[in-house]
């Protein structure tokens, strides 16, 4: 979180709305631990990381949707370890990410 605060403050000063995405649970292996944070503004600018790359694009899309609806949501991303490498998720496992509009 401490790595995204400056970006959040700047975006809010510029009048942008911001969604905050945080890893809240892991099942199996994943590159980021619970508490990892990503901020996304209403233009799609990103600060921080919740997955090290494997689901970042999907999280950005979900964050923009949350900003549009104004309703937080819990999202689940991943696949079983035995299938992970075949689809490009070399870490395998499942990550649950809570995304909410930041007021």
Protein backbone atom coordinates (compact mmCIF):
# COMPACT_ATOMS: atom_id res chain seq x y z
CA UNK A 1 0.00 0.00 0.00
CA UNK A 2 2.77 2.43 0.86
CA UNK A 3 4.02 2.24 -2.74
CA UNK A 4 0.73 3.48 -4.22
CA UNK A 5 -0.23 6.26 -1.80
CA UNK A 6 1.57 9.02 -3.71
CA UNK A 7 -0.15 8.05 -6.97
CA UNK A 8 -3.56 7.87 -5.27
CA UNK A 9 -3.10 11.32 -3.75
CA UNK A 10 -2.02 12.80 -7.09
CA UNK A 11 -4.93 11.21 -8.96
CA UNK A 12 -7.44 12.43 -6.40
CA UNK A 13 -5.96 15.95 -6.52
CA UNK A 14 -6.45 15.83 -10.30
CA UNK A 15 -10.11 14.87 -9.78
CA UNK A 16 -9.89 11.22 -10.73
CA UNK A 17 -11.86 8.46 -9.08
CA UNK A 18 -9.77 5.56 -7.76
CA UNK A 19 -10.43 1.89 -7.08
CA UNK A 20 -8.29 -0.08 -4.66
CA UNK A 21 -7.64 -3.80 -5.25
CA UNK A 22 -6.10 -5.93 -2.49
CA UNK A 23 -5.14 -9.57 -2.28
CA UNK A 24 -7.23 -11.02 0.55
CA UNK A 25 -6.71 -14.77 0.15
CA UNK A 26 -4.46 -17.29 -1.59
CA UNK A 27 -5.13 -20.93 -2.36
CA UNK A 28 -2.00 -22.69 -3.60
CA UNK A 29 0.93 -20.68 -4.86
CA UNK A 30 0.87 -17.06 -6.03
CA UNK A 31 3.50 -14.37 -6.55
CA UNK A 32 1.98 -11.81 -4.15
CA UNK A 33 0.87 -12.31 -0.56
CA UNK A 34 -2.34 -11.06 1.10
CA UNK A 35 -2.17 -7.31 1.49
CA UNK A 36 -0.58 -6.72 -1.93
CA UNK A 37 -2.28 -3.66 -3.37
CA UNK A 38 -3.04 -2.10 -6.74
CA UNK A 39 -4.75 1.23 -7.36
CA UNK A 40 -6.51 1.99 -10.64
CA UNK A 41 -7.88 5.38 -11.62
CA UNK A 42 -10.83 6.08 -13.91
CA UNK A 43 -8.47 6.55 -16.89
CA UNK A 44 -7.02 3.06 -16.37
CA UNK A 45 -3.71 4.23 -14.91
CA UNK A 46 -2.25 1.68 -12.49
CA UNK A 47 -0.02 1.81 -9.42
CA UNK A 48 1.12 -1.26 -7.51
CA UNK A 49 0.60 -4.94 -8.26
CA UNK A 50 -1.55 -7.80 -7.03
CA UNK A 51 -0.19 -10.65 -9.11
CA UNK A 52 3.14 -9.80 -10.66
CA UNK A 53 1.53 -9.73 -14.09
CA UNK A 54 -0.53 -12.87 -14.62
CA UNK A 55 -3.95 -11.34 -13.82
CA UNK A 56 -3.19 -7.62 -13.70
CA UNK A 57 -5.17 -6.85 -16.87
CA UNK A 58 -8.26 -8.63 -15.57
CA UNK A 59 -7.98 -6.79 -12.24
CA UNK A 60 -7.78 -3.43 -14.05
CA UNK A 61 -10.93 -4.29 -16.01
CA UNK A 62 -12.73 -5.30 -12.81
CA UNK A 63 -11.55 -2.13 -11.05
CA UNK A 64 -12.91 0.04 -13.86
CA UNK A 65 -16.21 -1.83 -13.60
CA UNK A 66 -16.28 -1.24 -9.84
CA UNK A 67 -15.70 2.48 -10.44
CA UNK A 68 -18.57 2.52 -12.92
CA UNK A 69 -20.99 0.71 -10.62
CA UNK A 70 -19.73 2.16 -7.34
CA UNK A 71 -20.10 -1.26 -5.72
CA UNK A 72 -17.17 -3.26 -4.27
CA UNK A 73 -16.67 -6.88 -5.27
CA UNK A 74 -14.62 -9.93 -4.43
CA UNK A 75 -13.00 -11.47 -7.52
CA UNK A 76 -11.36 -14.88 -7.84
CA UNK A 77 -8.62 -15.58 -10.38
CA UNK A 78 -6.56 -18.68 -11.04
CA UNK A 79 -6.59 -22.31 -11.96
CA UNK A 80 -5.38 -25.61 -10.53
CA UNK A 81 -1.59 -25.96 -10.33
CA UNK A 82 -1.59 -28.85 -12.82
CA UNK A 83 -3.27 -26.63 -15.48
CA UNK A 84 -1.52 -23.36 -14.67
CA UNK A 85 1.55 -23.65 -16.88
CA UNK A 86 -0.52 -24.60 -19.92
CA UNK A 87 -2.44 -21.31 -19.79
CA UNK A 88 0.54 -19.12 -18.88
CA UNK A 89 -0.03 -18.85 -15.13
CA UNK A 90 3.24 -20.36 -14.09
CA UNK A 91 2.56 -19.79 -10.40
CA UNK A 92 -0.71 -21.79 -10.41
CA UNK A 93 -3.07 -21.45 -7.50
CA UNK A 94 -5.96 -19.10 -6.94
CA UNK A 95 -5.96 -15.53 -5.69
CA UNK A 96 -8.95 -13.66 -4.28
CA UNK A 97 -8.89 -9.91 -4.70
CA UNK A 98 -11.23 -7.41 -3.06
CA UNK A 99 -11.82 -4.33 -5.20
CA UNK A 100 -13.55 -1.23 -3.88
CA UNK A 101 -13.99 2.39 -4.90
CA UNK A 102 -11.80 4.62 -2.75
CA UNK A 103 -13.65 7.56 -1.26
